[in-house]
Amino acid sequence: MDEMKIGSKFMKTLVAKLVKRTVKKKAGYDVDIQLNEFTATITDGTAHVHLSVDAELNKDELTKILSAIGL
């Protein structure tokens, strides 16, 4: 069993910035992201990923996301 945990504030901030940049580039949504916890466990070739994330966005961005998924 392999396990990876990202717990330091520096690494969580770095990953959150990378995710924010990727979401903006690929989907066009401007979302502030705070990564609280990230754990990945690999057992017998199956990966289990646990994320605790907070996101902050304005109402227009939320409306865009909801209409894109059909809600």
PDB file of N, CA and C in Angstrom:
ATOM      1  N   MET A   1       0.843  -1.171   0.000  1.00  0.00           N
ATOM      2  CA  MET A   1       0.000   0.000   0.000  1.00  0.00           C
ATOM      3  C   MET A   1       0.890   1.236   0.000  1.00  0.00           C
ATOM      4  N   ASP A   2       0.660   2.106  -0.945  1.00  0.00           N
ATOM      5  CA  ASP A   2       1.362   3.381  -1.016  1.00  0.00           C
ATOM      6  C   ASP A   2       0.409   4.474  -0.572  1.00  0.00           C
ATOM      7  N   GLU A   3       0.962   5.468   0.138  1.00  0.00           N
ATOM      8  CA  GLU A   3       0.122   6.553   0.618  1.00  0.00           C
ATOM      9  C   GLU A   3       0.860   7.873   0.463  1.00  0.00           C
ATOM     10  N   MET A   4       0.128   8.907   0.022  1.00  0.00           N
ATOM     11  CA  MET A   4       0.691  10.244  -0.105  1.00  0.00           C
ATOM     12  C   MET A   4      -0.241  11.212   0.602  1.00  0.00           C
ATOM     13  N   LYS A   5       0.323  12.016   1.496  1.00  0.00           N
ATOM     14  CA  LYS A   5      -0.450  13.045   2.182  1.00  0.00           C
ATOM     15  C   LYS A   5       0.236  14.380   1.948  1.00  0.00           C
ATOM     16  N   ILE A   6      -0.557  15.377   1.626  1.00  0.00           N
ATOM     17  CA  ILE A   6      -0.050  16.739   1.507  1.00  0.00           C
ATOM     18  C   ILE A   6      -0.596  17.486   2.707  1.00  0.00           C
ATOM     19  N   GLY A   7       0.296  17.836   3.632  1.00  0.00           N
ATOM     20  CA  GLY A   7      -0.157  18.449   4.860  1.00  0.00           C
ATOM     21  C   GLY A   7       0.447  19.812   5.146  1.00  0.00           C
ATOM     22  N   SER A   8       1.599  20.124   4.541  1.00  0.00           N
ATOM     23  CA  SER A   8       2.222  21.409   4.853  1.00  0.00           C
ATOM     24  C   SER A   8       1.459  22.541   4.170  1.00  0.00           C
ATOM     25  N   LYS A   9       1.439  23.682   4.817  1.00  0.00           N
ATOM     26  CA  LYS A   9       0.720  24.838   4.278  1.00  0.00           C
ATOM     27  C   LYS A   9       1.305  25.243   2.928  1.00  0.00           C
ATOM     28  N   PHE A  10       2.623  25.195   2.795  1.00  0.00           N
ATOM     29  CA  PHE A  10       3.287  25.558   1.540  1.00  0.00           C
ATOM     30  C   PHE A  10       2.809  24.669   0.392  1.00  0.00           C
ATOM     31  N   MET A  11       2.804  23.363   0.598  1.00  0.00           N
ATOM     32  CA  MET A  11       2.399  22.435  -0.464  1.00  0.00           C
ATOM     33  C   MET A  11       0.908  22.566  -0.788  1.00  0.00           C
ATOM     34  N   LYS A  12       0.076  22.738   0.236  1.00  0.00           N
ATOM     35  CA  LYS A  12      -1.360  22.895  -0.015  1.00  0.00           C
ATOM     36  C   LYS A  12      -1.624  24.165  -0.820  1.00  0.00           C
ATOM     37  N   THR A  13      -0.905  25.249  -0.487  1.00  0.00           N
ATOM     38  CA  THR A  13      -1.065  26.503  -1.226  1.00  0.00           C
ATOM     39  C   THR A  13      -0.593  26.349  -2.657  1.00  0.00           C
ATOM     40  N   LEU A  14       0.532  25.670  -2.848  1.00  0.00           N
ATOM     41  CA  LEU A  14       1.074  25.448  -4.190  1.00  0.00           C
ATOM     42  C   LEU A  14       0.110  24.628  -5.050  1.00  0.00           C
ATOM     43  N   VAL A  15      -0.411  23.545  -4.506  1.00  0.00           N
ATOM     44  CA  VAL A  15      -1.354  22.702  -5.251  1.00  0.00           C
ATOM     45  C   VAL A  15      -2.631  23.477  -5.553  1.00  0.00           C
ATOM     46  N   ALA A  16      -3.123  24.265  -4.603  1.00  0.00           N
ATOM     47  CA  ALA A  16      -4.336  25.056  -4.822  1.00  0.00           C
ATOM     48  C   ALA A  16      -4.136  26.059  -5.952  1.00  0.00           C
ATOM     49  N   LYS A  17      -2.966  26.692  -6.007  1.00  0.00           N
ATOM     50  CA  LYS A  17      -2.683  27.644  -7.082  1.00  0.00           C
ATOM     51  C   LYS A  17      -2.622  26.945  -8.439  1.00  0.00           C
ATOM     52  N   LEU A  18      -2.028  25.758  -8.473  1.00  0.00           N
ATOM     53  CA  LEU A  18      -1.973  24.991  -9.722  1.00  0.00           C
ATOM     54  C   LEU A  18      -3.373  24.594 -10.183  1.00  0.00           C
ATOM     55  N   VAL A  19      -4.218  24.182  -9.249  1.00  0.00           N
ATOM     56  CA  VAL A  19      -5.591  23.797  -9.590  1.00  0.00           C
ATOM     57  C   VAL A  19      -6.368  25.017 -10.084  1.00  0.00           C
ATOM     58  N   LYS A  20      -6.220  26.150  -9.398  1.00  0.00           N
ATOM     59  CA  LYS A  20      -6.918  27.374  -9.809  1.00  0.00           C
ATOM     60  C   LYS A  20      -6.520  27.764 -11.228  1.00  0.00           C
ATOM     61  N   ARG A  21      -5.225  27.705 -11.517  1.00  0.00           N
ATOM     62  CA  ARG A  21      -4.732  28.065 -12.847  1.00  0.00           C
ATOM     63  C   ARG A  21      -5.266  27.102 -13.904  1.00  0.00           C
ATOM     64  N   THR A  22      -5.303  25.826 -13.590  1.00  0.00           N
ATOM     65  CA  THR A  22      -5.789  24.824 -14.529  1.00  0.00           C
ATOM     66  C   THR A  22      -7.286  24.979 -14.791  1.00  0.00           C
ATOM     67  N   VAL A  23      -8.064  25.226 -13.738  1.00  0.00           N
ATOM     68  CA  VAL A  23      -9.515  25.434 -13.897  1.00  0.00           C
ATOM     69  C   VAL A  23      -9.767  26.659 -14.759  1.00  0.00           C
ATOM     70  N   LYS A  24      -9.022  27.733 -14.519  1.00  0.00           N
ATOM     71  CA  LYS A  24      -9.193  28.963 -15.299  1.00  0.00           C
ATOM     72  C   LYS A  24      -8.832  28.722 -16.766  1.00  0.00           C
ATOM     73  N   LYS A  25      -7.731  28.000 -17.002  1.00  0.00           N
ATOM     74  CA  LYS A  25      -7.253  27.769 -18.370  1.00  0.00           C
ATOM     75  C   LYS A  25      -8.160  26.821 -19.155  1.00  0.00           C
ATOM     76  N   LYS A  26      -8.572  25.720 -18.520  1.00  0.00           N
ATOM     77  CA  LYS A  26      -9.329  24.692 -19.234  1.00  0.00           C
ATOM     78  C   LYS A  26     -10.829  24.951 -19.267  1.00  0.00           C
ATOM     79  N   ALA A  27     -11.390  25.517 -18.172  1.00  0.00           N
ATOM     80  CA  ALA A  27     -12.841  25.692 -18.111  1.00  0.00           C
ATOM     81  C   ALA A  27     -13.282  27.149 -18.176  1.00  0.00           C
ATOM     82  N   GLY A  28     -12.361  28.073 -17.914  1.00  0.00           N
ATOM     83  CA  GLY A  28     -12.701  29.485 -17.985  1.00  0.00           C
ATOM     84  C   GLY A  28     -13.371  30.042 -16.738  1.00  0.00           C
ATOM     85  N   TYR A  29     -13.354  29.291 -15.628  1.00  0.00           N
ATOM     86  CA  TYR A  29     -13.980  29.736 -14.387  1.00  0.00           C
ATOM     87  C   TYR A  29     -12.933  30.341 -13.463  1.00  0.00           C
ATOM     88  N   ASP A  30     -13.244  31.512 -12.898  1.00  0.00           N
ATOM     89  CA  ASP A  30     -12.349  32.184 -11.964  1.00  0.00           C
ATOM     90  C   ASP A  30     -12.784  31.830 -10.547  1.00  0.00           C
ATOM     91  N   VAL A  31     -12.091  30.867  -9.934  1.00  0.00           N
ATOM     92  CA  VAL A  31     -12.464  30.337  -8.629  1.00  0.00           C
ATOM     93  C   VAL A  31     -11.246  30.380  -7.712  1.00  0.00           C
ATOM     94  N   ASP A  32     -11.410  30.953  -6.516  1.00  0.00           N
ATOM     95  CA  ASP A  32     -10.357  30.896  -5.504  1.00  0.00           C
ATOM     96  C   ASP A  32     -10.493  29.576  -4.764  1.00  0.00           C
ATOM     97  N   ILE A  33      -9.396  28.837  -4.677  1.00  0.00           N
ATOM     98  CA  ILE A  33      -9.429  27.500  -4.109  1.00  0.00           C
ATOM     99  C   ILE A  33      -8.496  27.424  -2.913  1.00  0.00           C
ATOM    100  N   GLN A  34      -8.989  26.799  -1.835  1.00  0.00           N
ATOM    101  CA  GLN A  34      -8.171  26.529  -0.662  1.00  0.00           C
ATOM    102  C   GLN A  34      -8.202  25.020  -0.430  1.00  0.00           C
ATOM    103  N   LEU A  35      -7.055  24.397  -0.482  1.00  0.00           N
ATOM    104  CA  LEU A  35      -6.941  22.962  -0.271  1.00  0.00           C
ATOM    105  C   LEU A  35      -6.702  22.715   1.211  1.00  0.00           C
ATOM    106  N   ASN A  36      -7.654  22.059   1.876  1.00  0.00           N
ATOM    107  CA  ASN A  36      -7.532  21.787   3.303  1.00  0.00           C
ATOM    108  C   ASN A  36      -6.798  20.481   3.575  1.00  0.00           C
ATOM    109  N   GLU A  37      -7.100  19.464   2.778  1.00  0.00           N
ATOM    110  CA  GLU A  37      -6.489  18.156   2.990  1.00  0.00           C
ATOM    111  C   GLU A  37      -6.455  17.394   1.671  1.00  0.00           C
ATOM    112  N   PHE A  38      -5.375  16.662   1.451  1.00  0.00           N
ATOM    113  CA  PHE A  38      -5.241  15.830   0.257  1.00  0.00           C
ATOM    114  C   PHE A  38      -4.555  14.537   0.676  1.00  0.00           C
ATOM    115  N   THR A  39      -5.216  13.422   0.448  1.00  0.00           N
ATOM    116  CA  THR A  39      -4.643  12.115   0.747  1.00  0.00           C
ATOM    117  C   THR A  39      -4.925  11.187  -0.420  1.00  0.00           C
ATOM    118  N   ALA A  40      -3.895  10.497  -0.884  1.00  0.00           N
ATOM    119  CA  ALA A  40      -4.062   9.492  -1.934  1.00  0.00           C
ATOM    120  C   ALA A  40      -3.470   8.179  -1.437  1.00  0.00           C
ATOM    121  N   THR A  41      -4.255   7.113  -1.538  1.00  0.00           N
ATOM    122  CA  THR A  41      -3.813   5.791  -1.121  1.00  0.00           C
ATOM    123  C   THR A  41      -3.982   4.835  -2.293  1.00  0.00           C
ATOM    124  N   ILE A  42      -2.925   4.071  -2.584  1.00  0.00           N
ATOM    125  CA  ILE A  42      -2.983   3.089  -3.669  1.00  0.00           C
ATOM    126  C   ILE A  42      -2.828   1.708  -3.060  1.00  0.00           C
ATOM    127  N   THR A  43      -3.844   0.865  -3.280  1.00  0.00           N
ATOM    128  CA  THR A  43      -3.840  -0.492  -2.776  1.00  0.00           C
ATOM    129  C   THR A  43      -4.195  -1.432  -3.917  1.00  0.00           C
ATOM    130  N   ASP A  44      -3.313  -2.361  -4.230  1.00  0.00           N
ATOM    131  CA  ASP A  44      -3.539  -3.363  -5.275  1.00  0.00           C
ATOM    132  C   ASP A  44      -3.963  -2.729  -6.599  1.00  0.00           C
ATOM    133  N   GLY A  45      -3.330  -1.634  -6.980  1.00  0.00           N
ATOM    134  CA  GLY A  45      -3.606  -1.005  -8.261  1.00  0.00           C
ATOM    135  C   GLY A  45      -4.820  -0.094  -8.290  1.00  0.00           C
ATOM    136  N   THR A  46      -5.511   0.043  -7.164  1.00  0.00           N
ATOM    137  CA  THR A  46      -6.674   0.925  -7.090  1.00  0.00           C
ATOM    138  C   THR A  46      -6.326   2.144  -6.234  1.00  0.00           C
ATOM    139  N   ALA A  47      -6.618   3.320  -6.763  1.00  0.00           N
ATOM    140  CA  ALA A  47      -6.305   4.546  -6.043  1.00  0.00           C
ATOM    141  C   ALA A  47      -7.557   5.094  -5.369  1.00  0.00           C
ATOM    142  N   HIS A  48      -7.392   5.517  -4.134  1.00  0.00           N
ATOM    143  CA  HIS A  48      -8.450   6.198  -3.387  1.00  0.00           C
ATOM    144  C   HIS A  48      -7.917   7.583  -3.050  1.00  0.00           C
ATOM    145  N   VAL A  49      -8.642   8.615  -3.480  1.00  0.00           N
ATOM    146  CA  VAL A  49      -8.220   9.995  -3.262  1.00  0.00           C
ATOM    147  C   VAL A  49      -9.258  10.693  -2.395  1.00  0.00           C
ATOM    148  N   HIS A  50      -8.772  11.352  -1.344  1.00  0.00           N
ATOM    149  CA  HIS A  50      -9.648  12.138  -0.467  1.00  0.00           C
ATOM    150  C   HIS A  50      -9.202  13.591  -0.539  1.00  0.00           C
ATOM    151  N   LEU A  51     -10.163  14.487  -0.847  1.00  0.00           N
ATOM    152  CA  LEU A  51      -9.892  15.915  -0.920  1.00  0.00           C
ATOM    153  C   LEU A  51     -10.840  16.655   0.006  1.00  0.00           C
ATOM    154  N   SER A  52     -10.311  17.648   0.697  1.00  0.00           N
ATOM    155  CA  SER A  52     -11.130  18.606   1.432  1.00  0.00           C
ATOM    156  C   SER A  52     -10.762  19.964   0.866  1.00  0.00           C
ATOM    157  N   VAL A  53     -11.723  20.579   0.167  1.00  0.00           N
ATOM    158  CA  VAL A  53     -11.453  21.802  -0.585  1.00  0.00           C
ATOM    159  C   VAL A  53     -12.530  22.832  -0.295  1.00  0.00           C
ATOM    160  N   ASP A  54     -12.105  24.087  -0.147  1.00  0.00           N
ATOM    161  CA  ASP A  54     -13.036  25.206  -0.093  1.00  0.00           C
ATOM    162  C   ASP A  54     -12.820  26.031  -1.347  1.00  0.00           C
ATOM    163  N   ALA A  55     -13.910  26.477  -1.949  1.00  0.00           N
ATOM    164  CA  ALA A  55     -13.819  27.312  -3.151  1.00  0.00           C
ATOM    165  C   ALA A  55     -14.687  28.551  -2.960  1.00  0.00           C
ATOM    166  N   GLU A  56     -14.172  29.664  -3.422  1.00  0.00           N
ATOM    167  CA  GLU A  56     -14.922  30.911  -3.340  1.00  0.00           C
ATOM    168  C   GLU A  56     -15.006  31.507  -4.739  1.00  0.00           C
ATOM    169  N   LEU A  57     -16.240  31.857  -5.146  1.00  0.00           N
ATOM    170  CA  LEU A  57     -16.450  32.427  -6.456  1.00  0.00           C
ATOM    171  C   LEU A  57     -17.639  33.357  -6.397  1.00  0.00           C
ATOM    172  N   ASN A  58     -17.730  34.234  -7.383  1.00  0.00           N
ATOM    173  CA  ASN A  58     -18.865  35.164  -7.370  1.00  0.00           C
ATOM    174  C   ASN A  58     -20.102  34.493  -7.968  1.00  0.00           C
ATOM    175  N   LYS A  59     -21.225  35.132  -7.803  1.00  0.00           N
ATOM    176  CA  LYS A  59     -22.503  34.554  -8.218  1.00  0.00           C
ATOM    177  C   LYS A  59     -22.549  34.263  -9.719  1.00  0.00           C
ATOM    178  N   ASP A  60     -21.957  35.144 -10.525  1.00  0.00           N
ATOM    179  CA  ASP A  60     -21.966  34.932 -11.983  1.00  0.00           C
ATOM    180  C   ASP A  60     -21.205  33.668 -12.368  1.00  0.00           C
ATOM    181  N   GLU A  61     -20.061  33.438 -11.720  1.00  0.00           N
ATOM    182  CA  GLU A  61     -19.293  32.223 -11.997  1.00  0.00           C
ATOM    183  C   GLU A  61     -20.077  30.981 -11.594  1.00  0.00           C
ATOM    184  N   LEU A  62     -20.737  31.024 -10.435  1.00  0.00           N
ATOM    185  CA  LEU A  62     -21.548  29.892  -9.986  1.00  0.00           C
ATOM    186  C   LEU A  62     -22.682  29.619 -10.963  1.00  0.00           C
ATOM    187  N   THR A  63     -23.342  30.663 -11.431  1.00  0.00           N
ATOM    188  CA  THR A  63     -24.429  30.518 -12.405  1.00  0.00           C
ATOM    189  C   THR A  63     -23.904  29.889 -13.691  1.00  0.00           C
ATOM    190  N   LYS A  64     -22.726  30.297 -14.137  1.00  0.00           N
ATOM    191  CA  LYS A  64     -22.120  29.722 -15.337  1.00  0.00           C
ATOM    192  C   LYS A  64     -21.845  28.228 -15.169  1.00  0.00           C
ATOM    193  N   ILE A  65     -21.307  27.862 -14.005  1.00  0.00           N
ATOM    194  CA  ILE A  65     -20.999  26.447 -13.744  1.00  0.00           C
ATOM    195  C   ILE A  65     -22.280  25.627 -13.694  1.00  0.00           C
ATOM    196  N   LEU A  66     -23.284  26.118 -12.982  1.00  0.00           N
ATOM    197  CA  LEU A  66     -24.537  25.366 -12.856  1.00  0.00           C
ATOM    198  C   LEU A  66     -25.247  25.219 -14.197  1.00  0.00           C
ATOM    199  N   SER A  67     -25.228  26.247 -15.016  1.00  0.00           N
ATOM    200  CA  SER A  67     -25.877  26.130 -16.324  1.00  0.00           C
ATOM    201  C   SER A  67     -25.081  25.206 -17.252  1.00  0.00           C
ATOM    202  N   ALA A  68     -23.774  25.135 -17.073  1.00  0.00           N
ATOM    203  CA  ALA A  68     -22.952  24.240 -17.896  1.00  0.00           C
ATOM    204  C   ALA A  68     -23.246  22.776 -17.605  1.00  0.00           C
ATOM    205  N   ILE A  69     -23.651  22.471 -16.361  1.00  0.00           N
ATOM    206  CA  ILE A  69     -23.963  21.077 -16.024  1.00  0.00           C
ATOM    207  C   ILE A  69     -25.465  20.790 -16.086  1.00  0.00           C
ATOM    208  N   GLY A  70     -26.238  21.789 -16.512  1.00  0.00           N
ATOM    209  CA  GLY A  70     -27.652  21.562 -16.743  1.00  0.00           C
ATOM    210  C   GLY A  70     -28.553  21.815 -15.566  1.00  0.00           C
ATOM    211  N   LEU A  71     -28.094  22.558 -14.585  1.00  0.00           N
ATOM    212  CA  LEU A  71     -28.959  22.858 -13.425  1.00  0.00           C
ATOM    213  C   LEU A  71     -29.447  24.266 -13.475  1.00  0.00           C
TER     214      LEU A  71
END
